[in-house]
Amino acid sequence: MKFLIKALVFVLVTSLLASCQRDVYLFTSFREPANEGLRYLYSKDAYHWEEVPGVFLKPTLGTQKIMRDPSMLRDKKGVYHLVWTIAWKGDSGIGYARSKDLIHWEDEKIIPVMEHEPSTVNVWAPELFYDEQEDRYVIIWASTIPHRFPKGAEAEDNNQRMYYTTTKDFNNFTPTKLFADPGFSIIDAVIVKKDRDGYVLVLKDNTRPNRNLKVAFADNALGPFEQVSTPFSDYLTEGPSVVKVGGQWLIYFDSYGSKSYEAVATTDFKHFEKVNEKIVVPEGHKHGTIFKASKKDLKRLLKGKD
């Protein structure tokens, strides 16, 4: 009997400790006009979000010194890696920094991903993805190289395509290559590992008649992504952020046409259900990425920068 009681106590304590250590959801954020820096939202359920007060990395890189579209992930060692847009136009790289606690940052630098293409107009919305099969990080972003691709009604300096580089250490990077050319202007793409062998690209069709969100599919993290879907969001939507919650995926996005933040839920990336009435997102939040952080790190964030 004593052994049974001890075993039950052990299970209970272990369960409580595991509960205390459970990760929480963080959402990287910024506010227009994007000159303040990195902000966070946090959530226990990925539906109801609260703001973490303060700015945790001020933009100092590039000619315009802005921070837009912050994308972050946590590696196996618990280190957080961040990339972001440093300029609307003119600069040929993206911002990078890393942190062990989400507050203190190091190795802040510009990754010059498009310096080999001197006519590049912009380098927008970099997204980080960890490729488990190859044990490497993939960075994708949107750039315009005028007169490189056929275009629709959009201007020549807004005819975007997606490019990529890979790295294992954020010091050495593979040469930049074309990542996605679906035959139309594309920005704000996010790679999602759907299942063991399948990948999804959530993307913005940036052509003038559309400017909405779609998905495409591939068997490899680097594509080719094909079977582009019909839109699952309304006109004038962008900045998708994807998170898996239980057996379904939530896709948050910025509905800049209606000046609101919205979300859809899906289990297969073919059928989408609006869940706007189920979410709470603080006013002023602009799109980043959703990732997991430890409760310890969140507690430190809520205490401030000291």
C-alpha atoms as a PDB file:
ATOM      1  CA  MET A   1       0.000   0.000   0.000  1.00  0.00           C
ATOM      2  CA  LYS A   2       2.835   2.420   0.903  1.00  0.00           C
ATOM      3  CA  PHE A   3       4.492   1.692  -2.424  1.00  0.00           C
ATOM      4  CA  LEU A   4       1.234   2.445  -4.260  1.00  0.00           C
ATOM      5  CA  ILE A   5       0.793   5.720  -2.396  1.00  0.00           C
ATOM      6  CA  LYS A   6       4.380   6.757  -3.179  1.00  0.00           C
ATOM      7  CA  ALA A   7       3.861   5.871  -6.824  1.00  0.00           C
ATOM      8  CA  LEU A   8       0.685   7.949  -6.987  1.00  0.00           C
ATOM      9  CA  VAL A   9       2.417  10.896  -5.328  1.00  0.00           C
ATOM     10  CA  PHE A  10       5.300  10.615  -7.783  1.00  0.00           C
ATOM     11  CA  VAL A  11       2.911  10.630 -10.745  1.00  0.00           C
ATOM     12  CA  LEU A  12       1.049  13.620  -9.342  1.00  0.00           C
ATOM     13  CA  VAL A  13       4.213  15.628  -8.692  1.00  0.00           C
ATOM     14  CA  THR A  14       5.595  14.749 -12.111  1.00  0.00           C
ATOM     15  CA  SER A  15       2.345  15.839 -13.724  1.00  0.00           C
ATOM     16  CA  LEU A  16       2.344  19.135 -11.831  1.00  0.00           C
ATOM     17  CA  LEU A  17       5.959  19.824 -12.776  1.00  0.00           C
ATOM     18  CA  ALA A  18       5.229  19.059 -16.418  1.00  0.00           C
ATOM     19  CA  SER A  19       2.267  21.424 -16.273  1.00  0.00           C
ATOM     20  CA  CYS A  20       4.439  24.164 -14.800  1.00  0.00           C
ATOM     21  CA  GLN A  21       7.001  23.709 -17.580  1.00  0.00           C
ATOM     22  CA  ARG A  22       4.461  23.623 -20.421  1.00  0.00           C
ATOM     23  CA  ASP A  23       5.241  26.045 -23.203  1.00  0.00           C
ATOM     24  CA  VAL A  24       3.087  29.025 -24.038  1.00  0.00           C
ATOM     25  CA  TYR A  25       2.363  30.667 -27.377  1.00  0.00           C
ATOM     26  CA  LEU A  26       4.114  33.891 -28.336  1.00  0.00           C
ATOM     27  CA  PHE A  27       3.291  36.060 -31.333  1.00  0.00           C
ATOM     28  CA  THR A  28       5.953  38.439 -32.669  1.00  0.00           C
ATOM     29  CA  SER A  29       4.494  41.838 -33.370  1.00  0.00           C
ATOM     30  CA  PHE A  30       5.186  45.414 -34.440  1.00  0.00           C
ATOM     31  CA  ARG A  31       3.206  48.621 -34.762  1.00  0.00           C
ATOM     32  CA  GLU A  32       3.006  51.013 -37.644  1.00  0.00           C
ATOM     33  CA  PRO A  33       4.948  52.949 -38.800  1.00  0.00           C
ATOM     34  CA  ALA A  34       7.365  50.136 -37.831  1.00  0.00           C
ATOM     35  CA  ASN A  35      10.025  52.378 -36.280  1.00  0.00           C
ATOM     36  CA  GLU A  36       9.617  51.257 -32.645  1.00  0.00           C
ATOM     37  CA  GLY A  37      10.833  47.664 -32.786  1.00  0.00           C
ATOM     38  CA  LEU A  38       9.976  44.158 -31.653  1.00  0.00           C
ATOM     39  CA  ARG A  39       6.851  43.515 -29.572  1.00  0.00           C
ATOM     40  CA  TYR A  40       5.131  40.331 -28.381  1.00  0.00           C
ATOM     41  CA  LEU A  41       1.685  38.960 -27.716  1.00  0.00           C
ATOM     42  CA  TYR A  42       1.183  35.846 -25.571  1.00  0.00           C
ATOM     43  CA  SER A  43      -1.513  33.214 -25.192  1.00  0.00           C
ATOM     44  CA  LYS A  44      -2.151  29.946 -23.377  1.00  0.00           C
ATOM     45  CA  ASP A  45      -4.585  28.595 -25.979  1.00  0.00           C
ATOM     46  CA  ALA A  46      -3.534  30.366 -29.243  1.00  0.00           C
ATOM     47  CA  TYR A  47      -6.989  31.981 -29.444  1.00  0.00           C
ATOM     48  CA  HIS A  48      -6.954  34.673 -26.780  1.00  0.00           C
ATOM     49  CA  TRP A  49      -3.964  36.998 -26.992  1.00  0.00           C
ATOM     50  CA  GLU A  50      -2.619  39.612 -24.622  1.00  0.00           C
ATOM     51  CA  GLU A  51       0.105  42.154 -25.193  1.00  0.00           C
ATOM     52  CA  VAL A  52       3.472  42.008 -23.477  1.00  0.00           C
ATOM     53  CA  PRO A  53       4.181  45.647 -22.570  1.00  0.00           C
ATOM     54  CA  GLY A  54       7.297  47.187 -24.044  1.00  0.00           C
ATOM     55  CA  VAL A  55       9.672  47.014 -26.999  1.00  0.00           C
ATOM     56  CA  PHE A  56      12.377  44.331 -26.856  1.00  0.00           C
ATOM     57  CA  LEU A  57      14.640  45.108 -29.812  1.00  0.00           C
ATOM     58  CA  LYS A  58      14.855  48.509 -31.446  1.00  0.00           C
ATOM     59  CA  PRO A  59      15.542  48.667 -35.206  1.00  0.00           C
ATOM     60  CA  THR A  60      19.066  49.906 -35.899  1.00  0.00           C
ATOM     61  CA  LEU A  61      19.908  48.145 -39.167  1.00  0.00           C
ATOM     62  CA  GLY A  62      19.590  49.394 -42.727  1.00  0.00           C
ATOM     63  CA  THR A  63      19.048  52.809 -44.250  1.00  0.00           C
ATOM     64  CA  GLN A  64      15.462  53.217 -43.034  1.00  0.00           C
ATOM     65  CA  LYS A  65      15.895  51.527 -39.641  1.00  0.00           C
ATOM     66  CA  ILE A  66      12.498  49.892 -39.443  1.00  0.00           C
ATOM     67  CA  MET A  67      11.336  46.526 -38.173  1.00  0.00           C
ATOM     68  CA  ARG A  68       8.482  44.868 -40.005  1.00  0.00           C
ATOM     69  CA  ASP A  69       7.332  41.260 -40.320  1.00  0.00           C
ATOM     70  CA  PRO A  70       9.402  39.815 -37.418  1.00  0.00           C
ATOM     71  CA  SER A  71       9.741  36.041 -37.797  1.00  0.00           C
ATOM     72  CA  MET A  72      11.093  33.944 -34.936  1.00  0.00           C
ATOM     73  CA  LEU A  73      11.743  30.337 -33.964  1.00  0.00           C
ATOM     74  CA  ARG A  74      13.382  28.525 -31.054  1.00  0.00           C
ATOM     75  CA  ASP A  75      16.092  25.979 -31.826  1.00  0.00           C
ATOM     76  CA  LYS A  76      16.829  22.698 -30.049  1.00  0.00           C
ATOM     77  CA  LYS A  77      19.112  24.426 -27.556  1.00  0.00           C
ATOM     78  CA  GLY A  78      16.462  26.969 -26.604  1.00  0.00           C
ATOM     79  CA  VAL A  79      18.017  29.854 -28.525  1.00  0.00           C
ATOM     80  CA  TYR A  80      15.597  32.173 -30.305  1.00  0.00           C
ATOM     81  CA  HIS A  81      16.417  33.329 -33.845  1.00  0.00           C
ATOM     82  CA  LEU A  82      14.805  36.421 -35.368  1.00  0.00           C
ATOM     83  CA  VAL A  83      14.691  37.842 -38.896  1.00  0.00           C
ATOM     84  CA  TRP A  84      12.827  40.929 -40.107  1.00  0.00           C
ATOM     85  CA  THR A  85      12.316  43.481 -42.887  1.00  0.00           C
ATOM     86  CA  ILE A  86      14.725  46.414 -42.499  1.00  0.00           C
ATOM     87  CA  ALA A  87      13.523  48.694 -45.323  1.00  0.00           C
ATOM     88  CA  TRP A  88      10.649  49.299 -47.702  1.00  0.00           C
ATOM     89  CA  LYS A  89      12.978  49.743 -50.658  1.00  0.00           C
ATOM     90  CA  GLY A  90      16.658  50.167 -51.448  1.00  0.00           C
ATOM     91  CA  ASP A  91      18.367  47.768 -49.039  1.00  0.00           C
ATOM     92  CA  SER A  92      19.488  44.324 -50.256  1.00  0.00           C
ATOM     93  CA  GLY A  93      19.317  42.351 -47.026  1.00  0.00           C
ATOM     94  CA  ILE A  94      17.260  41.303 -44.013  1.00  0.00           C
ATOM     95  CA  GLY A  95      17.857  41.794 -40.306  1.00  0.00           C
ATOM     96  CA  TYR A  96      18.981  38.978 -38.007  1.00  0.00           C
ATOM     97  CA  ALA A  97      19.588  38.614 -34.262  1.00  0.00           C
ATOM     98  CA  ARG A  98      19.518  35.840 -31.665  1.00  0.00           C
ATOM     99  CA  SER A  99      18.629  35.666 -27.993  1.00  0.00           C
ATOM    100  CA  LYS A 100      18.549  33.201 -25.119  1.00  0.00           C
ATOM    101  CA  ASP A 101      15.811  34.993 -23.194  1.00  0.00           C
ATOM    102  CA  LEU A 102      13.810  37.059 -25.767  1.00  0.00           C
ATOM    103  CA  ILE A 103      15.093  40.258 -24.148  1.00  0.00           C
ATOM    104  CA  HIS A 104      18.858  40.496 -24.612  1.00  0.00           C
ATOM    105  CA  TRP A 105      20.017  40.179 -28.223  1.00  0.00           C
ATOM    106  CA  GLU A 106      23.345  39.476 -29.871  1.00  0.00           C
ATOM    107  CA  ASP A 107      24.918  38.938 -33.288  1.00  0.00           C
ATOM    108  CA  GLU A 108      22.631  41.608 -34.734  1.00  0.00           C
ATOM    109  CA  LYS A 109      23.487  41.984 -38.413  1.00  0.00           C
ATOM    110  CA  ILE A 110      22.251  42.327 -41.968  1.00  0.00           C
ATOM    111  CA  ILE A 111      22.162  39.151 -44.045  1.00  0.00           C
ATOM    112  CA  PRO A 112      22.820  40.500 -47.592  1.00  0.00           C
ATOM    113  CA  VAL A 113      20.610  37.979 -49.374  1.00  0.00           C
ATOM    114  CA  MET A 114      20.060  40.002 -52.582  1.00  0.00           C
ATOM    115  CA  GLU A 115      23.340  41.893 -52.938  1.00  0.00           C
ATOM    116  CA  HIS A 116      24.145  39.804 -56.031  1.00  0.00           C
ATOM    117  CA  GLU A 117      21.137  41.354 -57.816  1.00  0.00           C
ATOM    118  CA  PRO A 118      21.855  45.126 -57.925  1.00  0.00           C
ATOM    119  CA  SER A 119      18.488  45.994 -59.475  1.00  0.00           C
ATOM    120  CA  THR A 120      16.532  44.420 -56.604  1.00  0.00           C
ATOM    121  CA  VAL A 121      13.801  46.811 -55.446  1.00  0.00           C
ATOM    122  CA  ASN A 122      12.988  45.329 -52.035  1.00  0.00           C
ATOM    123  CA  VAL A 123      13.533  42.455 -49.587  1.00  0.00           C
ATOM    124  CA  TRP A 124      10.270  41.867 -47.736  1.00  0.00           C
ATOM    125  CA  ALA A 125       8.795  39.686 -45.007  1.00  0.00           C
ATOM    126  CA  PRO A 126      11.486  37.057 -44.351  1.00  0.00           C
ATOM    127  CA  GLU A 127      10.178  33.842 -42.791  1.00  0.00           C
ATOM    128  CA  LEU A 128      12.131  31.237 -40.842  1.00  0.00           C
ATOM    129  CA  PHE A 129      11.483  27.510 -41.155  1.00  0.00           C
ATOM    130  CA  TYR A 130      13.380  24.605 -39.607  1.00  0.00           C
ATOM    131  CA  ASP A 131      13.784  21.744 -42.072  1.00  0.00           C
ATOM    132  CA  GLU A 132      13.978  18.639 -39.866  1.00  0.00           C
ATOM    133  CA  GLN A 133      14.864  16.289 -42.705  1.00  0.00           C
ATOM    134  CA  GLU A 134      18.013  18.215 -43.577  1.00  0.00           C
ATOM    135  CA  ASP A 135      18.685  19.719 -40.124  1.00  0.00           C
ATOM    136  CA  ARG A 136      18.893  23.228 -41.517  1.00  0.00           C
ATOM    137  CA  TYR A 137      17.080  26.546 -41.397  1.00  0.00           C
ATOM    138  CA  VAL A 138      15.329  27.897 -44.459  1.00  0.00           C
ATOM    139  CA  ILE A 139      14.774  31.638 -44.880  1.00  0.00           C
ATOM    140  CA  ILE A 140      12.326  32.766 -47.548  1.00  0.00           C
ATOM    141  CA  TRP A 141      11.359  36.319 -48.554  1.00  0.00           C
ATOM    142  CA  ALA A 142       9.771  38.338 -51.360  1.00  0.00           C
ATOM    143  CA  SER A 143      11.780  40.497 -53.758  1.00  0.00           C
ATOM    144  CA  THR A 144      11.167  42.339 -56.997  1.00  0.00           C
ATOM    145  CA  ILE A 145      13.711  42.303 -59.806  1.00  0.00           C
ATOM    146  CA  PRO A 146      12.178  44.509 -62.530  1.00  0.00           C
ATOM    147  CA  HIS A 147      11.555  42.923 -65.948  1.00  0.00           C
ATOM    148  CA  ARG A 148      12.583  39.472 -64.681  1.00  0.00           C
ATOM    149  CA  PHE A 149       9.108  37.879 -64.788  1.00  0.00           C
ATOM    150  CA  PRO A 150       5.837  38.364 -66.673  1.00  0.00           C
ATOM    151  CA  LYS A 151       3.416  40.549 -64.729  1.00  0.00           C
ATOM    152  CA  GLY A 152      -0.223  41.530 -64.506  1.00  0.00           C
ATOM    153  CA  ALA A 153      -1.730  44.894 -63.627  1.00  0.00           C
ATOM    154  CA  GLU A 154       0.763  45.626 -60.846  1.00  0.00           C
ATOM    155  CA  ALA A 155       3.667  48.004 -61.427  1.00  0.00           C
ATOM    156  CA  GLU A 156       7.003  46.603 -62.563  1.00  0.00           C
ATOM    157  CA  ASP A 157       8.557  47.507 -59.205  1.00  0.00           C
ATOM    158  CA  ASN A 158       5.915  45.436 -57.371  1.00  0.00           C
ATOM    159  CA  ASN A 159       6.117  42.193 -59.342  1.00  0.00           C
ATOM    160  CA  GLN A 160       7.294  39.990 -56.479  1.00  0.00           C
ATOM    161  CA  ARG A 161       8.664  36.463 -56.363  1.00  0.00           C
ATOM    162  CA  MET A 162       9.859  34.384 -53.406  1.00  0.00           C
ATOM    163  CA  TYR A 163      13.556  33.600 -52.876  1.00  0.00           C
ATOM    164  CA  TYR A 164      15.427  31.516 -50.305  1.00  0.00           C
ATOM    165  CA  THR A 165      18.695  30.679 -48.628  1.00  0.00           C
ATOM    166  CA  THR A 166      19.543  27.972 -46.092  1.00  0.00           C
ATOM    167  CA  THR A 167      21.877  27.879 -43.111  1.00  0.00           C
ATOM    168  CA  LYS A 168      22.854  25.630 -40.247  1.00  0.00           C
ATOM    169  CA  ASP A 169      24.447  28.269 -38.015  1.00  0.00           C
ATOM    170  CA  PHE A 170      23.237  31.728 -39.199  1.00  0.00           C
ATOM    171  CA  ASN A 171      26.820  32.552 -40.117  1.00  0.00           C
ATOM    172  CA  ASN A 172      27.203  30.642 -43.368  1.00  0.00           C
ATOM    173  CA  PHE A 173      24.449  30.794 -45.978  1.00  0.00           C
ATOM    174  CA  THR A 174      23.864  29.002 -49.255  1.00  0.00           C
ATOM    175  CA  PRO A 175      23.618  31.123 -52.408  1.00  0.00           C
ATOM    176  CA  THR A 176      20.216  32.751 -52.869  1.00  0.00           C
ATOM    177  CA  LYS A 177      17.884  30.916 -55.245  1.00  0.00           C
ATOM    178  CA  LEU A 178      14.373  31.340 -56.575  1.00  0.00           C
ATOM    179  CA  PHE A 179      11.938  29.666 -54.184  1.00  0.00           C
ATOM    180  CA  ALA A 180       8.499  30.149 -55.712  1.00  0.00           C
ATOM    181  CA  ASP A 181       7.236  31.520 -59.017  1.00  0.00           C
ATOM    182  CA  PRO A 182       3.567  30.544 -59.272  1.00  0.00           C
ATOM    183  CA  GLY A 183       3.112  32.697 -62.356  1.00  0.00           C
ATOM    184  CA  PHE A 184       1.921  35.752 -60.444  1.00  0.00           C
ATOM    185  CA  SER A 185       3.205  38.284 -57.930  1.00  0.00           C
ATOM    186  CA  ILE A 186       3.575  36.603 -54.530  1.00  0.00           C
ATOM    187  CA  ILE A 187       4.550  37.858 -51.054  1.00  0.00           C
ATOM    188  CA  ASP A 188       4.118  36.890 -47.368  1.00  0.00           C
ATOM    189  CA  ALA A 189       4.661  33.165 -47.875  1.00  0.00           C
ATOM    190  CA  VAL A 190       4.939  30.770 -44.915  1.00  0.00           C
ATOM    191  CA  ILE A 191       6.170  27.148 -45.033  1.00  0.00           C
ATOM    192  CA  VAL A 192       4.175  24.686 -42.932  1.00  0.00           C
ATOM    193  CA  LYS A 193       5.000  21.028 -42.371  1.00  0.00           C
ATOM    194  CA  LYS A 194       1.557  19.496 -42.698  1.00  0.00           C
ATOM    195  CA  ASP A 195       2.397  15.862 -41.997  1.00  0.00           C
ATOM    196  CA  ARG A 196       5.232  13.366 -42.320  1.00  0.00           C
ATOM    197  CA  ASP A 197       5.695  13.832 -46.057  1.00  0.00           C
ATOM    198  CA  GLY A 198       3.661  16.903 -46.923  1.00  0.00           C
ATOM    199  CA  TYR A 199       4.301  20.636 -46.864  1.00  0.00           C
ATOM    200  CA  VAL A 200       2.014  23.596 -47.390  1.00  0.00           C
ATOM    201  CA  LEU A 201       2.885  27.112 -48.512  1.00  0.00           C
ATOM    202  CA  VAL A 202       0.460  29.720 -47.211  1.00  0.00           C
ATOM    203  CA  LEU A 203       0.883  32.743 -49.474  1.00  0.00           C
ATOM    204  CA  LYS A 204      -0.497  36.085 -50.541  1.00  0.00           C
ATOM    205  CA  ASP A 205      -1.494  36.437 -54.177  1.00  0.00           C
ATOM    206  CA  ASN A 206      -0.244  39.999 -54.616  1.00  0.00           C
ATOM    207  CA  THR A 207      -1.781  40.641 -58.023  1.00  0.00           C
ATOM    208  CA  ARG A 208      -3.995  43.718 -58.198  1.00  0.00           C
ATOM    209  CA  PRO A 209      -7.326  41.891 -58.757  1.00  0.00           C
ATOM    210  CA  ASN A 210      -6.710  39.499 -55.858  1.00  0.00           C
ATOM    211  CA  ARG A 211      -4.504  40.528 -52.921  1.00  0.00           C
ATOM    212  CA  ASN A 212      -5.768  37.631 -50.832  1.00  0.00           C
ATOM    213  CA  LEU A 213      -4.473  34.406 -49.293  1.00  0.00           C
ATOM    214  CA  LYS A 214      -4.103  30.984 -50.898  1.00  0.00           C
ATOM    215  CA  VAL A 215      -2.232  27.725 -50.282  1.00  0.00           C
ATOM    216  CA  ALA A 216      -0.024  25.452 -52.382  1.00  0.00           C
ATOM    217  CA  PHE A 217       1.398  21.979 -51.737  1.00  0.00           C
ATOM    218  CA  ALA A 218       4.724  20.134 -52.037  1.00  0.00           C
ATOM    219  CA  ASP A 219       6.535  16.982 -50.935  1.00  0.00           C
ATOM    220  CA  ASN A 220       9.668  18.901 -50.010  1.00  0.00           C
ATOM    221  CA  ALA A 221      10.270  21.968 -47.835  1.00  0.00           C
ATOM    222  CA  LEU A 222      11.881  23.703 -50.813  1.00  0.00           C
ATOM    223  CA  GLY A 223       9.102  22.781 -53.217  1.00  0.00           C
ATOM    224  CA  PRO A 224       8.144  23.009 -55.933  1.00  0.00           C
ATOM    225  CA  PHE A 225       4.831  24.143 -54.439  1.00  0.00           C
ATOM    226  CA  GLU A 226       1.986  23.421 -56.816  1.00  0.00           C
ATOM    227  CA  GLN A 227      -1.811  23.104 -56.957  1.00  0.00           C
ATOM    228  CA  VAL A 228      -2.388  26.705 -55.893  1.00  0.00           C
ATOM    229  CA  SER A 229      -5.821  26.941 -54.283  1.00  0.00           C
ATOM    230  CA  THR A 230      -8.621  29.422 -54.630  1.00  0.00           C
ATOM    231  CA  PRO A 231      -8.567  32.206 -51.996  1.00  0.00           C
ATOM    232  CA  PHE A 232      -9.566  31.340 -48.433  1.00  0.00           C
ATOM    233  CA  SER A 233      -9.527  34.997 -47.304  1.00  0.00           C
ATOM    234  CA  ASP A 234     -11.216  38.165 -48.511  1.00  0.00           C
ATOM    235  CA  TYR A 235      -9.822  40.909 -50.716  1.00  0.00           C
ATOM    236  CA  LEU A 236      -7.028  42.986 -49.136  1.00  0.00           C
ATOM    237  CA  THR A 237      -5.641  40.449 -46.665  1.00  0.00           C
ATOM    238  CA  GLU A 238      -2.004  39.597 -45.955  1.00  0.00           C
ATOM    239  CA  GLY A 239       0.574  38.464 -43.411  1.00  0.00           C
ATOM    240  CA  PRO A 240      -0.500  34.882 -42.597  1.00  0.00           C
ATOM    241  CA  SER A 241       0.718  33.348 -39.309  1.00  0.00           C
ATOM    242  CA  VAL A 242       0.148  29.621 -38.814  1.00  0.00           C
ATOM    243  CA  VAL A 243      -0.017  27.578 -35.614  1.00  0.00           C
ATOM    244  CA  LYS A 244      -1.153  24.032 -34.881  1.00  0.00           C
ATOM    245  CA  VAL A 245      -3.566  23.647 -31.979  1.00  0.00           C
ATOM    246  CA  GLY A 246      -4.696  20.114 -31.224  1.00  0.00           C
ATOM    247  CA  GLY A 247      -5.861  18.464 -34.429  1.00  0.00           C
ATOM    248  CA  GLN A 248      -6.255  21.608 -36.480  1.00  0.00           C
ATOM    249  CA  TRP A 249      -4.327  24.580 -37.787  1.00  0.00           C
ATOM    250  CA  LEU A 250      -5.152  28.217 -37.147  1.00  0.00           C
ATOM    251  CA  ILE A 251      -4.177  30.754 -39.787  1.00  0.00           C
ATOM    252  CA  TYR A 252      -4.164  34.329 -38.512  1.00  0.00           C
ATOM    253  CA  PHE A 253      -3.950  37.196 -40.973  1.00  0.00           C
ATOM    254  CA  ASP A 254      -4.143  40.945 -41.269  1.00  0.00           C
ATOM    255  CA  SER A 255      -7.333  42.074 -43.004  1.00  0.00           C
ATOM    256  CA  TYR A 256      -6.068  45.531 -43.857  1.00  0.00           C
ATOM    257  CA  GLY A 257      -9.055  46.244 -46.062  1.00  0.00           C
ATOM    258  CA  SER A 258     -11.449  45.975 -43.127  1.00  0.00           C
ATOM    259  CA  LYS A 259      -8.841  47.139 -40.571  1.00  0.00           C
ATOM    260  CA  SER A 260      -9.269  44.000 -38.489  1.00  0.00           C
ATOM    261  CA  TYR A 261      -7.350  40.885 -37.495  1.00  0.00           C
ATOM    262  CA  GLU A 262      -8.933  37.596 -38.539  1.00  0.00           C
ATOM    263  CA  ALA A 263      -8.361  33.840 -38.459  1.00  0.00           C
ATOM    264  CA  VAL A 264      -9.522  30.635 -40.080  1.00  0.00           C
ATOM    265  CA  ALA A 265      -9.226  27.029 -38.881  1.00  0.00           C
ATOM    266  CA  THR A 266      -8.446  24.003 -41.056  1.00  0.00           C
ATOM    267  CA  THR A 267      -7.507  20.358 -40.693  1.00  0.00           C
ATOM    268  CA  ASP A 268      -6.458  19.719 -44.297  1.00  0.00           C
ATOM    269  CA  PHE A 269      -5.683  23.139 -45.867  1.00  0.00           C
ATOM    270  CA  LYS A 270      -8.541  22.515 -48.271  1.00  0.00           C
ATOM    271  CA  HIS A 271     -11.522  23.434 -46.122  1.00  0.00           C
ATOM    272  CA  PHE A 272     -11.392  26.611 -44.042  1.00  0.00           C
ATOM    273  CA  GLU A 273     -13.700  27.814 -41.291  1.00  0.00           C
ATOM    274  CA  LYS A 274     -13.805  31.419 -40.121  1.00  0.00           C
ATOM    275  CA  VAL A 275     -13.186  31.657 -36.375  1.00  0.00           C
ATOM    276  CA  ASN A 276     -13.140  35.430 -35.921  1.00  0.00           C
ATOM    277  CA  GLU A 277     -15.681  35.235 -33.092  1.00  0.00           C
ATOM    278  CA  LYS A 278     -13.388  32.884 -31.155  1.00  0.00           C
ATOM    279  CA  ILE A 279     -10.212  34.989 -31.203  1.00  0.00           C
ATOM    280  CA  VAL A 280      -9.044  38.035 -29.266  1.00  0.00           C
ATOM    281  CA  VAL A 281      -6.150  40.056 -30.700  1.00  0.00           C
ATOM    282  CA  PRO A 282      -5.043  43.415 -29.217  1.00  0.00           C
ATOM    283  CA  GLU A 283      -5.676  46.479 -31.349  1.00  0.00           C
ATOM    284  CA  GLY A 284      -2.650  47.742 -33.254  1.00  0.00           C
ATOM    285  CA  HIS A 285      -0.984  44.333 -33.583  1.00  0.00           C
ATOM    286  CA  LYS A 286       0.739  43.799 -36.924  1.00  0.00           C
ATOM    287  CA  HIS A 287       1.679  40.416 -38.260  1.00  0.00           C
ATOM    288  CA  GLY A 288       4.644  38.315 -37.242  1.00  0.00           C
ATOM    289  CA  THR A 289       4.945  34.604 -36.469  1.00  0.00           C
ATOM    290  CA  ILE A 290       3.561  32.388 -33.719  1.00  0.00           C
ATOM    291  CA  PHE A 291       6.046  30.183 -31.878  1.00  0.00           C
ATOM    292  CA  LYS A 292       6.444  28.311 -28.596  1.00  0.00           C
ATOM    293  CA  ALA A 293       8.319  29.776 -25.639  1.00  0.00           C
ATOM    294  CA  SER A 294       8.864  28.543 -22.100  1.00  0.00           C
ATOM    295  CA  LYS A 295       6.745  29.838 -19.237  1.00  0.00           C
ATOM    296  CA  LYS A 296       9.978  30.961 -17.623  1.00  0.00           C
ATOM    297  CA  ASP A 297      10.807  33.171 -20.591  1.00  0.00           C
ATOM    298  CA  LEU A 298       7.291  34.622 -20.657  1.00  0.00           C
ATOM    299  CA  LYS A 299       7.451  35.383 -16.932  1.00  0.00           C
ATOM    300  CA  ARG A 300      10.728  37.223 -17.518  1.00  0.00           C
ATOM    301  CA  LEU A 301       9.162  39.194 -20.375  1.00  0.00           C
ATOM    302  CA  LEU A 302       6.212  40.258 -18.269  1.00  0.00           C
ATOM    303  CA  LYS A 303       8.552  41.485 -15.552  1.00  0.00           C
ATOM    304  CA  GLY A 304      10.263  43.787 -18.028  1.00  0.00           C
ATOM    305  CA  LYS A 305      13.776  44.138 -19.350  1.00  0.00           C
ATOM    306  CA  ASP A 306      15.735  44.023 -16.077  1.00  0.00           C
END
